[in-house]
Amino acid sequence: MLTTSLHRFLGAAGLALALGATVAGCASNKNTGATTQFDFGPLGTPAAQVAQAPLAAIIVMDATGSPTFENERMVYRLNYNDPLQARTYANSRWSANPLLLVTQRLKSRLAQAGVKVLSATDSSTNIPILRIEIDDFSHAFSSTTASEGQLMLRASLFNGHTLHDQKTFTRATAATSADAAGGARALAASTDAVAAELIAWMTGFDNRKR
């Protein structure tokens, strides 16, 4: 009888361990999905053509903004439910943080428009300086099926240490799908649209002595 009881106990213990291992395996599998990375894709043609370069040269500082945009997480908001809560996609990331992505895209679009793009480390004098502050860069849902990529940034153009002009640019592009991929495409389109507006805003500033 003792042997039979011992066998039953060991069998039950083994079953419990097996079930525990199975549950643990299922729990760990929830976080083993591959992470998808997004960027703005190829530069392609500009959203709007310019007749001539708005400036001969410009120094573009790295964009600044909320700490929310200092990492690679993709932010979305359910504005129809709780617009104050910034959520992030679980298995989707930007290839670089949004501040860097927007900075690089603006530089590329300016260069594409014929502007010589310089960095803050370049020893140049009498070159206009562009500073960018990003207030919003998110995939915003107005309902469970309707969403858009929202970008809001403030551009400040300096002539040396003197502020020449400042303007806020806002663009919301409808997303083609209610997921991270749709949000990425919409935010890329919004960034390109803002770049075109920013270049048009600079037109006429090419009157500085160099």
N, C-alpha and C. Protein backbone atom coordinates (compact mmCIF):
# COMPACT_ATOMS: atom_id res chain seq x y z
N MET A 1 0.83 -1.21 0.00
CA MET A 1 0.00 0.00 0.00
C MET A 1 0.86 1.25 0.00
N LEU A 2 1.98 1.19 0.75
CA LEU A 2 2.88 2.34 0.82
C LEU A 2 3.47 2.62 -0.56
N THR A 3 3.85 1.54 -1.25
CA THR A 3 4.44 1.71 -2.58
C THR A 3 3.44 2.31 -3.55
N THR A 4 2.20 1.82 -3.48
CA THR A 4 1.15 2.35 -4.35
C THR A 4 0.89 3.83 -4.09
N SER A 5 0.83 4.21 -2.81
CA SER A 5 0.61 5.62 -2.45
C SER A 5 1.76 6.49 -2.93
N LEU A 6 2.99 5.96 -2.78
CA LEU A 6 4.16 6.73 -3.23
C LEU A 6 4.13 6.94 -4.74
N HIS A 7 3.74 5.91 -5.48
CA HIS A 7 3.65 6.03 -6.93
C HIS A 7 2.61 7.06 -7.33
N ARG A 8 1.46 7.00 -6.60
CA ARG A 8 0.40 7.98 -6.90
C ARG A 8 0.88 9.40 -6.63
N PHE A 9 1.61 9.58 -5.52
CA PHE A 9 2.10 10.91 -5.15
C PHE A 9 3.09 11.43 -6.20
N LEU A 10 4.03 10.53 -6.59
CA LEU A 10 5.02 10.93 -7.57
C LEU A 10 4.37 11.24 -8.92
N GLY A 11 3.32 10.46 -9.26
CA GLY A 11 2.63 10.71 -10.52
C GLY A 11 1.92 12.05 -10.51
N ALA A 12 1.26 12.35 -9.37
CA ALA A 12 0.57 13.64 -9.26
C ALA A 12 1.56 14.79 -9.29
N ALA A 13 2.71 14.62 -8.60
CA ALA A 13 3.73 15.67 -8.58
C ALA A 13 4.29 15.90 -9.97
N GLY A 14 4.49 14.80 -10.70
CA GLY A 14 5.01 14.93 -12.06
C GLY A 14 4.04 15.66 -12.97
N LEU A 15 2.75 15.34 -12.82
CA LEU A 15 1.72 15.99 -13.63
C LEU A 15 1.68 17.48 -13.32
N ALA A 16 1.79 17.81 -12.02
CA ALA A 16 1.76 19.23 -11.62
C ALA A 16 2.94 19.97 -12.21
N LEU A 17 4.12 19.32 -12.18
CA LEU A 17 5.31 19.97 -12.75
C LEU A 17 5.16 20.17 -14.25
N ALA A 18 4.59 19.17 -14.91
CA ALA A 18 4.40 19.27 -16.36
C ALA A 18 3.44 20.40 -16.72
N LEU A 19 2.33 20.49 -15.95
CA LEU A 19 1.37 21.56 -16.19
C LEU A 19 1.99 22.92 -15.92
N GLY A 20 2.80 22.99 -14.84
CA GLY A 20 3.45 24.25 -14.52
C GLY A 20 4.39 24.68 -15.62
N ALA A 21 5.13 23.72 -16.17
CA ALA A 21 6.07 24.04 -17.25
C ALA A 21 5.32 24.51 -18.48
N THR A 22 4.17 23.87 -18.74
CA THR A 22 3.37 24.26 -19.91
C THR A 22 2.85 25.67 -19.77
N VAL A 23 2.32 26.02 -18.58
CA VAL A 23 1.81 27.37 -18.34
C VAL A 23 2.92 28.39 -18.44
N ALA A 24 4.09 28.06 -17.85
CA ALA A 24 5.22 28.98 -17.92
C ALA A 24 5.66 29.20 -19.36
N GLY A 25 5.63 28.11 -20.14
CA GLY A 25 6.01 28.23 -21.54
C GLY A 25 5.06 29.11 -22.31
N CYS A 26 3.76 28.98 -22.05
CA CYS A 26 2.77 29.81 -22.73
C CYS A 26 2.95 31.27 -22.36
N ALA A 27 3.22 31.52 -21.07
CA ALA A 27 3.39 32.90 -20.61
C ALA A 27 4.60 33.54 -21.27
N SER A 28 5.68 32.79 -21.39
CA SER A 28 6.89 33.35 -21.99
C SER A 28 6.72 33.56 -23.48
N ASN A 29 5.90 32.73 -24.13
CA ASN A 29 5.71 32.86 -25.56
C ASN A 29 4.98 34.13 -25.94
N LYS A 30 4.25 34.72 -25.00
CA LYS A 30 3.53 35.95 -25.30
C LYS A 30 4.49 37.08 -25.63
N ASN A 31 5.70 37.02 -25.14
CA ASN A 31 6.65 38.10 -25.34
C ASN A 31 7.78 37.74 -26.29
N THR A 32 7.62 36.65 -27.02
CA THR A 32 8.69 36.22 -27.91
C THR A 32 8.43 36.60 -29.35
N GLY A 33 7.36 37.37 -29.62
CA GLY A 33 7.09 37.79 -30.98
C GLY A 33 8.17 38.73 -31.48
N ALA A 34 8.51 38.62 -32.75
CA ALA A 34 9.56 39.46 -33.32
C ALA A 34 9.10 40.92 -33.35
N THR A 35 10.03 41.83 -33.09
CA THR A 35 9.75 43.25 -33.11
C THR A 35 9.91 43.79 -34.53
N THR A 36 8.93 44.53 -34.99
CA THR A 36 8.98 45.14 -36.32
C THR A 36 9.45 46.58 -36.19
N GLN A 37 10.42 46.96 -37.02
CA GLN A 37 10.96 48.32 -36.99
C GLN A 37 10.48 49.11 -38.20
N PHE A 38 10.16 50.38 -37.97
CA PHE A 38 9.68 51.26 -39.02
C PHE A 38 10.56 52.51 -39.11
N ASP A 39 10.66 53.06 -40.34
CA ASP A 39 11.25 54.37 -40.52
C ASP A 39 10.40 55.12 -41.54
N PHE A 40 10.93 56.18 -42.15
CA PHE A 40 10.13 56.98 -43.08
C PHE A 40 10.24 56.50 -44.53
N GLY A 41 11.01 55.46 -44.75
CA GLY A 41 11.12 54.93 -46.10
C GLY A 41 12.00 55.79 -46.99
N PRO A 42 12.08 55.43 -48.29
CA PRO A 42 12.90 56.20 -49.25
C PRO A 42 12.45 57.65 -49.32
N LEU A 43 13.40 58.53 -49.68
CA LEU A 43 13.09 59.96 -49.73
C LEU A 43 12.04 60.26 -50.79
N GLY A 44 12.20 59.69 -51.97
CA GLY A 44 11.22 59.92 -53.02
C GLY A 44 11.15 61.38 -53.45
N THR A 45 10.15 61.71 -54.25
CA THR A 45 9.99 63.09 -54.72
C THR A 45 9.40 63.95 -53.61
N PRO A 46 9.74 65.24 -53.59
CA PRO A 46 9.20 66.11 -52.54
C PRO A 46 7.70 66.31 -52.68
N ALA A 47 7.06 66.63 -51.55
CA ALA A 47 5.61 66.86 -51.57
C ALA A 47 5.25 68.07 -52.41
N ALA A 48 6.19 69.05 -52.49
CA ALA A 48 5.95 70.25 -53.30
C ALA A 48 7.28 70.70 -53.89
N GLN A 49 7.27 71.02 -55.17
CA GLN A 49 8.49 71.46 -55.84
C GLN A 49 8.74 72.94 -55.53
N VAL A 50 10.03 73.31 -55.44
CA VAL A 50 10.40 74.71 -55.23
C VAL A 50 11.19 75.18 -56.44
N ALA A 51 10.95 76.44 -56.85
CA ALA A 51 11.62 76.98 -58.03
C ALA A 51 13.11 77.14 -57.79
N GLN A 52 13.49 77.54 -56.57
CA GLN A 52 14.89 77.71 -56.23
C GLN A 52 15.07 77.45 -54.75
N ALA A 53 16.32 77.23 -54.36
CA ALA A 53 16.59 76.96 -52.94
C ALA A 53 16.19 78.16 -52.10
N PRO A 54 15.42 77.96 -51.04
CA PRO A 54 15.00 79.09 -50.21
C PRO A 54 16.15 79.76 -49.48
N LEU A 55 17.23 79.02 -49.24
CA LEU A 55 18.42 79.54 -48.60
C LEU A 55 19.64 78.90 -49.26
N ALA A 56 20.75 79.62 -49.25
CA ALA A 56 21.98 79.04 -49.79
C ALA A 56 22.50 77.94 -48.87
N ALA A 57 22.45 78.20 -47.56
CA ALA A 57 22.94 77.23 -46.57
C ALA A 57 22.23 77.47 -45.25
N ILE A 58 22.18 76.43 -44.43
CA ILE A 58 21.53 76.54 -43.13
C ILE A 58 22.13 75.51 -42.17
N ILE A 59 22.19 75.89 -40.90
CA ILE A 59 22.59 74.96 -39.85
C ILE A 59 21.32 74.41 -39.21
N VAL A 60 21.15 73.10 -39.23
CA VAL A 60 19.96 72.46 -38.65
C VAL A 60 20.36 71.78 -37.35
N MET A 61 19.81 72.28 -36.25
CA MET A 61 20.07 71.68 -34.95
C MET A 61 19.21 70.43 -34.77
N ASP A 62 19.66 69.51 -33.94
CA ASP A 62 18.85 68.33 -33.65
C ASP A 62 17.55 68.74 -32.98
N ALA A 63 16.46 68.15 -33.40
CA ALA A 63 15.15 68.48 -32.83
C ALA A 63 15.10 68.11 -31.36
N THR A 64 14.37 68.90 -30.60
CA THR A 64 14.13 68.62 -29.19
C THR A 64 12.63 68.38 -29.00
N GLY A 65 12.27 67.86 -27.83
CA GLY A 65 10.87 67.59 -27.57
C GLY A 65 10.68 66.85 -26.27
N SER A 66 9.48 66.35 -26.07
CA SER A 66 9.14 65.62 -24.86
C SER A 66 9.99 64.37 -24.72
N PRO A 67 10.32 63.98 -23.47
CA PRO A 67 11.05 62.71 -23.25
C PRO A 67 10.33 61.51 -23.86
N THR A 68 9.03 61.63 -24.10
CA THR A 68 8.27 60.55 -24.74
C THR A 68 8.86 60.20 -26.10
N PHE A 69 9.46 61.20 -26.77
CA PHE A 69 9.97 60.98 -28.12
C PHE A 69 11.49 60.73 -28.14
N GLU A 70 12.08 60.50 -26.99
CA GLU A 70 13.52 60.27 -26.92
C GLU A 70 13.89 58.80 -26.99
N ASN A 71 12.92 57.95 -27.24
CA ASN A 71 13.19 56.52 -27.41
C ASN A 71 12.47 56.03 -28.66
N GLU A 72 12.64 54.74 -28.96
CA GLU A 72 12.12 54.20 -30.23
C GLU A 72 10.68 53.70 -30.15
N ARG A 73 10.02 53.87 -29.02
CA ARG A 73 8.65 53.38 -28.91
C ARG A 73 7.70 54.15 -29.82
N MET A 74 6.71 53.45 -30.36
CA MET A 74 5.71 54.07 -31.22
C MET A 74 4.48 54.42 -30.38
N VAL A 75 4.21 55.69 -30.28
CA VAL A 75 3.14 56.19 -29.40
C VAL A 75 1.82 56.27 -30.16
N TYR A 76 0.75 55.83 -29.50
CA TYR A 76 -0.59 56.05 -30.05
C TYR A 76 -1.52 56.48 -28.92
N ARG A 77 -2.59 57.16 -29.29
CA ARG A 77 -3.58 57.64 -28.32
C ARG A 77 -4.98 57.28 -28.77
N LEU A 78 -5.79 56.84 -27.83
CA LEU A 78 -7.20 56.57 -28.10
C LEU A 78 -7.98 57.81 -27.68
N ASN A 79 -8.05 58.80 -28.56
CA ASN A 79 -8.68 60.07 -28.22
C ASN A 79 -10.16 59.94 -27.93
N TYR A 80 -10.79 58.91 -28.46
CA TYR A 80 -12.22 58.70 -28.21
C TYR A 80 -12.47 58.09 -26.83
N ASN A 81 -11.41 57.63 -26.18
CA ASN A 81 -11.56 56.96 -24.89
C ASN A 81 -10.83 57.71 -23.78
N ASP A 82 -9.52 57.86 -23.92
CA ASP A 82 -8.72 58.55 -22.91
C ASP A 82 -7.56 59.26 -23.59
N PRO A 83 -7.75 60.48 -24.08
CA PRO A 83 -6.71 61.18 -24.83
C PRO A 83 -5.49 61.56 -23.99
N LEU A 84 -5.62 61.49 -22.68
CA LEU A 84 -4.49 61.86 -21.81
C LEU A 84 -3.50 60.73 -21.61
N GLN A 85 -3.83 59.54 -22.08
CA GLN A 85 -2.94 58.40 -21.89
C GLN A 85 -2.17 58.09 -23.17
N ALA A 86 -0.86 58.18 -23.07
CA ALA A 86 0.02 57.83 -24.20
C ALA A 86 0.34 56.35 -24.12
N ARG A 87 -0.10 55.59 -25.11
CA ARG A 87 0.15 54.15 -25.17
C ARG A 87 1.25 53.86 -26.20
N THR A 88 1.85 52.69 -26.11
CA THR A 88 2.88 52.31 -27.08
C THR A 88 2.58 50.92 -27.63
N TYR A 89 2.89 50.71 -28.90
CA TYR A 89 2.71 49.40 -29.53
C TYR A 89 3.69 48.40 -28.93
N ALA A 90 3.22 47.19 -28.67
CA ALA A 90 4.02 46.20 -27.96
C ALA A 90 5.20 45.69 -28.78
N ASN A 91 4.98 45.30 -30.02
CA ASN A 91 6.02 44.67 -30.82
C ASN A 91 6.41 45.48 -32.05
N SER A 92 6.24 46.80 -31.97
CA SER A 92 6.62 47.68 -33.08
C SER A 92 7.44 48.84 -32.54
N ARG A 93 8.49 49.18 -33.26
CA ARG A 93 9.39 50.25 -32.84
C ARG A 93 9.83 51.06 -34.06
N TRP A 94 10.21 52.32 -33.80
CA TRP A 94 10.90 53.10 -34.81
C TRP A 94 12.34 52.63 -34.88
N SER A 95 12.97 52.81 -36.02
CA SER A 95 14.37 52.41 -36.17
C SER A 95 15.30 53.34 -35.39
N ALA A 96 14.84 54.55 -35.10
CA ALA A 96 15.55 55.51 -34.27
C ALA A 96 14.49 56.35 -33.57
N ASN A 97 14.87 57.13 -32.57
CA ASN A 97 13.85 57.90 -31.87
C ASN A 97 13.26 58.97 -32.81
N PRO A 98 12.00 59.35 -32.62
CA PRO A 98 11.34 60.29 -33.53
C PRO A 98 12.06 61.63 -33.67
N LEU A 99 12.72 62.11 -32.62
CA LEU A 99 13.44 63.38 -32.73
C LEU A 99 14.52 63.29 -33.80
N LEU A 100 15.24 62.17 -33.81
CA LEU A 100 16.29 61.97 -34.80
C LEU A 100 15.71 61.73 -36.19
N LEU A 101 14.63 60.94 -36.26
CA LEU A 101 14.01 60.65 -37.55
C LEU A 101 13.51 61.93 -38.23
N VAL A 102 12.84 62.79 -37.47
CA VAL A 102 12.32 64.03 -38.04
C VAL A 102 13.47 64.96 -38.44
N THR A 103 14.49 65.07 -37.60
CA THR A 103 15.64 65.91 -37.93
C THR A 103 16.27 65.48 -39.24
N GLN A 104 16.52 64.18 -39.38
CA GLN A 104 17.17 63.68 -40.58
C GLN A 104 16.30 63.88 -41.81
N ARG A 105 14.98 63.69 -41.66
CA ARG A 105 14.09 63.87 -42.81
C ARG A 105 14.07 65.33 -43.26
N LEU A 106 14.03 66.26 -42.31
CA LEU A 106 14.04 67.67 -42.66
C LEU A 106 15.35 68.04 -43.36
N LYS A 107 16.47 67.52 -42.87
CA LYS A 107 17.75 67.78 -43.51
C LYS A 107 17.75 67.26 -44.94
N SER A 108 17.24 66.06 -45.12
CA SER A 108 17.22 65.46 -46.45
C SER A 108 16.34 66.25 -47.41
N ARG A 109 15.19 66.72 -46.94
CA ARG A 109 14.29 67.49 -47.79
C ARG A 109 14.90 68.86 -48.12
N LEU A 110 15.58 69.47 -47.17
CA LEU A 110 16.24 70.75 -47.44
C LEU A 110 17.34 70.58 -48.48
N ALA A 111 18.14 69.53 -48.32
CA ALA A 111 19.20 69.26 -49.28
C ALA A 111 18.62 68.98 -50.65
N GLN A 112 17.50 68.26 -50.67
CA GLN A 112 16.83 67.95 -51.94
C GLN A 112 16.35 69.23 -52.63
N ALA A 113 16.04 70.26 -51.82
CA ALA A 113 15.58 71.54 -52.37
C ALA A 113 16.74 72.45 -52.77
N GLY A 114 17.97 71.94 -52.63
CA GLY A 114 19.13 72.72 -53.06
C GLY A 114 19.81 73.51 -51.98
N VAL A 115 19.43 73.30 -50.72
CA VAL A 115 20.04 74.01 -49.60
C VAL A 115 21.25 73.23 -49.09
N LYS A 116 22.35 73.93 -48.83
CA LYS A 116 23.51 73.29 -48.21
C LYS A 116 23.22 73.15 -46.71
N VAL A 117 23.13 71.92 -46.24
CA VAL A 117 22.76 71.65 -44.85
C VAL A 117 24.02 71.41 -44.03
N LEU A 118 24.20 72.23 -43.00
CA LEU A 118 25.37 72.14 -42.13
C LEU A 118 24.93 71.72 -40.72
N SER A 119 25.90 71.24 -39.95
CA SER A 119 25.63 70.86 -38.56
C SER A 119 26.18 71.91 -37.62
N ALA A 120 25.84 71.80 -36.36
CA ALA A 120 26.28 72.78 -35.37
C ALA A 120 27.79 72.78 -35.18
N THR A 121 28.46 71.69 -35.53
CA THR A 121 29.90 71.60 -35.35
C THR A 121 30.68 72.22 -36.51
N ASP A 122 29.97 72.58 -37.58
CA ASP A 122 30.65 73.21 -38.71
C ASP A 122 31.00 74.66 -38.35
N SER A 123 32.25 75.03 -38.62
CA SER A 123 32.69 76.39 -38.29
C SER A 123 32.23 77.34 -39.39
N SER A 124 31.07 77.92 -39.19
CA SER A 124 30.51 78.83 -40.18
C SER A 124 29.98 80.07 -39.48
N THR A 125 30.06 81.19 -40.18
CA THR A 125 29.53 82.44 -39.64
C THR A 125 28.49 82.98 -40.60
N ASN A 126 27.57 83.74 -40.07
CA ASN A 126 26.51 84.35 -40.87
C ASN A 126 25.65 83.32 -41.60
N ILE A 127 25.53 82.15 -41.01
CA ILE A 127 24.67 81.12 -41.57
C ILE A 127 23.41 81.00 -40.70
N PRO A 128 22.23 81.07 -41.28
CA PRO A 128 21.00 80.92 -40.49
C PRO A 128 20.98 79.59 -39.74
N ILE A 129 20.34 79.60 -38.59
CA ILE A 129 20.24 78.41 -37.74
C ILE A 129 18.77 78.05 -37.58
N LEU A 130 18.44 76.79 -37.83
CA LEU A 130 17.07 76.30 -37.67
C LEU A 130 16.99 75.42 -36.43
N ARG A 131 16.08 75.76 -35.53
CA ARG A 131 15.83 74.95 -34.34
C ARG A 131 14.40 74.41 -34.41
N ILE A 132 14.26 73.14 -34.04
CA ILE A 132 12.96 72.48 -34.12
C ILE A 132 12.58 71.91 -32.75
N GLU A 133 11.35 72.17 -32.33
CA GLU A 133 10.80 71.55 -31.11
C GLU A 133 9.54 70.78 -31.49
N ILE A 134 9.52 69.51 -31.17
CA ILE A 134 8.38 68.66 -31.52
C ILE A 134 7.41 68.56 -30.34
N ASP A 135 6.18 68.99 -30.57
CA ASP A 135 5.15 68.95 -29.53
C ASP A 135 4.30 67.69 -29.61
N ASP A 136 4.12 67.15 -30.80
CA ASP A 136 3.30 65.95 -30.95
C ASP A 136 3.82 65.12 -32.11
N PHE A 137 3.88 63.82 -31.89
CA PHE A 137 4.28 62.87 -32.93
C PHE A 137 3.66 61.55 -32.54
N SER A 138 2.41 61.35 -32.94
CA SER A 138 1.68 60.18 -32.45
C SER A 138 0.63 59.71 -33.46
N HIS A 139 0.24 58.45 -33.28
CA HIS A 139 -0.84 57.85 -34.06
C HIS A 139 -2.11 58.02 -33.24
N ALA A 140 -2.97 58.93 -33.65
CA ALA A 140 -4.14 59.30 -32.86
C ALA A 140 -5.41 58.67 -33.44
N PHE A 141 -6.17 58.00 -32.58
CA PHE A 141 -7.42 57.35 -32.98
C PHE A 141 -8.61 58.21 -32.54
N SER A 142 -9.44 58.59 -33.51
CA SER A 142 -10.68 59.30 -33.19
C SER A 142 -11.82 58.32 -32.95
N SER A 143 -11.65 57.07 -33.40
CA SER A 143 -12.60 55.99 -33.15
C SER A 143 -11.83 54.68 -33.28
N THR A 144 -12.52 53.56 -33.17
CA THR A 144 -11.84 52.27 -33.26
C THR A 144 -11.33 51.99 -34.68
N THR A 145 -11.85 52.71 -35.66
CA THR A 145 -11.46 52.45 -37.05
C THR A 145 -10.82 53.65 -37.74
N ALA A 146 -10.99 54.85 -37.23
CA ALA A 146 -10.46 56.05 -37.86
C ALA A 146 -9.28 56.59 -37.05
N SER A 147 -8.16 56.84 -37.74
CA SER A 147 -6.97 57.34 -37.05
C SER A 147 -6.13 58.15 -38.02
N GLU A 148 -5.16 58.88 -37.47
CA GLU A 148 -4.28 59.71 -38.29
C GLU A 148 -2.93 59.88 -37.62
N GLY A 149 -1.93 60.16 -38.43
CA GLY A 149 -0.59 60.44 -37.91
C GLY A 149 -0.45 61.92 -37.68
N GLN A 150 -0.31 62.32 -36.43
CA GLN A 150 -0.30 63.74 -36.07
C GLN A 150 1.11 64.21 -35.75
N LEU A 151 1.53 65.29 -36.41
CA LEU A 151 2.82 65.92 -36.15
C LEU A 151 2.60 67.40 -35.90
N MET A 152 3.15 67.89 -34.80
CA MET A 152 3.13 69.32 -34.51
C MET A 152 4.54 69.72 -34.08
N LEU A 153 5.11 70.68 -34.78
CA LEU A 153 6.43 71.15 -34.40
C LEU A 153 6.51 72.66 -34.52
N ARG A 154 7.44 73.22 -33.77
CA ARG A 154 7.67 74.66 -33.77
C ARG A 154 9.07 74.91 -34.33
N ALA A 155 9.12 75.68 -35.41
CA ALA A 155 10.39 75.98 -36.07
C ALA A 155 10.80 77.42 -35.75
N SER A 156 12.06 77.58 -35.37
CA SER A 156 12.60 78.91 -35.06
C SER A 156 13.82 79.13 -35.93
N LEU A 157 13.81 80.21 -36.69
CA LEU A 157 14.91 80.54 -37.58
C LEU A 157 15.70 81.70 -37.00
N PHE A 158 16.97 81.46 -36.74
CA PHE A 158 17.84 82.46 -36.12
C PHE A 158 18.86 82.98 -37.11
N ASN A 159 19.14 84.27 -37.00
CA ASN A 159 20.23 84.90 -37.72
C ASN A 159 21.29 85.24 -36.68
N GLY A 160 22.25 84.35 -36.50
CA GLY A 160 23.17 84.48 -35.38
C GLY A 160 22.43 84.17 -34.09
N HIS A 161 22.45 85.12 -33.15
CA HIS A 161 21.72 84.93 -31.89
C HIS A 161 20.36 85.64 -31.91
N THR A 162 19.99 86.19 -33.05
CA THR A 162 18.74 86.94 -33.16
C THR A 162 17.66 86.08 -33.82
N LEU A 163 16.51 86.01 -33.17
CA LEU A 163 15.40 85.27 -33.75
C LEU A 163 14.85 86.03 -34.94
N HIS A 164 14.88 85.40 -36.10
CA HIS A 164 14.36 86.04 -37.31
C HIS A 164 12.86 85.80 -37.46
N ASP A 165 12.44 84.57 -37.21
CA ASP A 165 11.01 84.25 -37.31
C ASP A 165 10.76 82.91 -36.63
N GLN A 166 9.50 82.69 -36.28
CA GLN A 166 9.11 81.42 -35.65
C GLN A 166 7.71 81.08 -36.11
N LYS A 167 7.48 79.78 -36.34
CA LYS A 167 6.16 79.34 -36.80
C LYS A 167 5.90 77.92 -36.33
N THR A 168 4.64 77.63 -36.01
CA THR A 168 4.22 76.28 -35.64
C THR A 168 3.57 75.60 -36.85
N PHE A 169 4.00 74.39 -37.12
CA PHE A 169 3.48 73.61 -38.24
C PHE A 169 2.73 72.40 -37.69
N THR A 170 1.55 72.17 -38.21
CA THR A 170 0.73 71.05 -37.78
C THR A 170 0.20 70.30 -39.00
N ARG A 171 0.31 68.99 -38.95
CA ARG A 171 -0.23 68.18 -40.05
C ARG A 171 -0.77 66.86 -39.50
N ALA A 172 -1.95 66.47 -39.95
CA ALA A 172 -2.55 65.19 -39.58
C ALA A 172 -2.91 64.46 -40.87
N THR A 173 -2.34 63.28 -41.06
CA THR A 173 -2.58 62.48 -42.26
C THR A 173 -3.35 61.23 -41.89
N ALA A 174 -4.43 60.97 -42.60
CA ALA A 174 -5.25 59.79 -42.30
C ALA A 174 -4.45 58.51 -42.49
N ALA A 175 -4.58 57.59 -41.54
CA ALA A 175 -3.89 56.30 -41.61
C ALA A 175 -4.72 55.33 -42.45
N THR A 176 -4.04 54.51 -43.22
CA THR A 176 -4.74 53.55 -44.08
C THR A 176 -5.13 52.28 -43.34
N SER A 177 -4.57 52.08 -42.14
CA SER A 177 -4.92 50.91 -41.33
C SER A 177 -4.78 51.28 -39.86
N ALA A 178 -5.56 50.60 -39.02
CA ALA A 178 -5.59 50.91 -37.59
C ALA A 178 -4.54 50.09 -36.84
N ASP A 179 -3.28 50.21 -37.26
CA ASP A 179 -2.21 49.47 -36.61
C ASP A 179 -0.92 50.27 -36.71
N ALA A 180 0.18 49.69 -36.21
CA ALA A 180 1.46 50.39 -36.21
C ALA A 180 1.92 50.74 -37.61
N ALA A 181 1.73 49.83 -38.57
CA ALA A 181 2.15 50.09 -39.94
C ALA A 181 1.40 51.28 -40.53
N GLY A 182 0.09 51.34 -40.28
CA GLY A 182 -0.69 52.46 -40.76
C GLY A 182 -0.26 53.77 -40.13
N GLY A 183 0.03 53.73 -38.83
CA GLY A 183 0.50 54.91 -38.13
C GLY A 183 1.84 55.38 -38.66
N ALA A 184 2.75 54.44 -38.94
CA ALA A 184 4.08 54.79 -39.45
C ALA A 184 3.98 55.49 -40.80
N ARG A 185 3.15 54.93 -41.70
CA ARG A 185 2.98 55.55 -43.01
C ARG A 185 2.38 56.95 -42.90
N ALA A 186 1.40 57.10 -42.02
CA ALA A 186 0.75 58.40 -41.87
C ALA A 186 1.71 59.43 -41.28
N LEU A 187 2.53 59.04 -40.32
CA LEU A 187 3.48 59.97 -39.71
C LEU A 187 4.59 60.34 -40.68
N ALA A 188 5.00 59.40 -41.52
CA ALA A 188 5.99 59.71 -42.55
C ALA A 188 5.43 60.75 -43.52
N ALA A 189 4.17 60.57 -43.92
CA ALA A 189 3.53 61.52 -44.84
C ALA A 189 3.37 62.89 -44.19
N SER A 190 3.02 62.91 -42.91
CA SER A 190 2.87 64.19 -42.21
C SER A 190 4.21 64.91 -42.11
N THR A 191 5.27 64.17 -41.87
CA THR A 191 6.60 64.78 -41.78
C THR A 191 7.02 65.37 -43.12
N ASP A 192 6.79 64.66 -44.21
CA ASP A 192 7.13 65.18 -45.53
C ASP A 192 6.30 66.42 -45.86
N ALA A 193 5.04 66.43 -45.47
CA ALA A 193 4.18 67.58 -45.74
C ALA A 193 4.66 68.81 -44.95
N VAL A 194 5.03 68.60 -43.70
CA VAL A 194 5.54 69.70 -42.88
C VAL A 194 6.86 70.20 -43.45
N ALA A 195 7.71 69.30 -43.93
CA ALA A 195 8.98 69.71 -44.53
C ALA A 195 8.73 70.63 -45.72
N ALA A 196 7.75 70.30 -46.55
CA ALA A 196 7.43 71.14 -47.70
C ALA A 196 6.93 72.51 -47.26
N GLU A 197 6.10 72.55 -46.23
CA GLU A 197 5.60 73.83 -45.72
C GLU A 197 6.72 74.65 -45.11
N LEU A 198 7.63 73.99 -44.43
CA LEU A 198 8.75 74.69 -43.80
C LEU A 198 9.67 75.30 -44.85
N ILE A 199 9.93 74.57 -45.92
CA ILE A 199 10.77 75.09 -47.00
C ILE A 199 10.11 76.29 -47.66
N ALA A 200 8.81 76.22 -47.88
CA ALA A 200 8.08 77.34 -48.46
C ALA A 200 8.13 78.55 -47.53
N TRP A 201 8.05 78.31 -46.23
CA TRP A 201 8.11 79.38 -45.23
C TRP A 201 9.46 80.09 -45.28
N MET A 202 10.52 79.37 -45.59
CA MET A 202 11.87 79.95 -45.64
C MET A 202 12.10 80.79 -46.89
N THR A 203 11.28 80.59 -47.92
CA THR A 203 11.49 81.32 -49.17
C THR A 203 11.42 82.83 -48.93
N GLY A 204 12.43 83.52 -49.45
CA GLY A 204 12.50 84.96 -49.24
C GLY A 204 13.47 85.37 -48.16
N PHE A 205 14.00 84.38 -47.42
CA PHE A 205 14.95 84.70 -46.35
C PHE A 205 16.39 84.78 -46.87
N ASP A 206 16.58 84.52 -48.18
CA ASP A 206 17.92 84.45 -48.74
C ASP A 206 18.46 85.85 -49.04
N ASN A 207 18.44 86.71 -48.06
CA ASN A 207 18.90 88.07 -48.27
C ASN A 207 19.97 88.47 -47.24
N ARG A 208 20.59 87.46 -46.65
CA ARG A 208 21.60 87.73 -45.64
C ARG A 208 22.97 87.88 -46.29
N LYS A 209 23.81 88.64 -45.68
CA LYS A 209 25.18 88.75 -46.15
C LYS A 209 25.94 87.53 -45.68
N ARG A 210 26.73 86.95 -46.58
CA ARG A 210 27.50 85.77 -46.24
C ARG A 210 28.96 85.99 -46.59
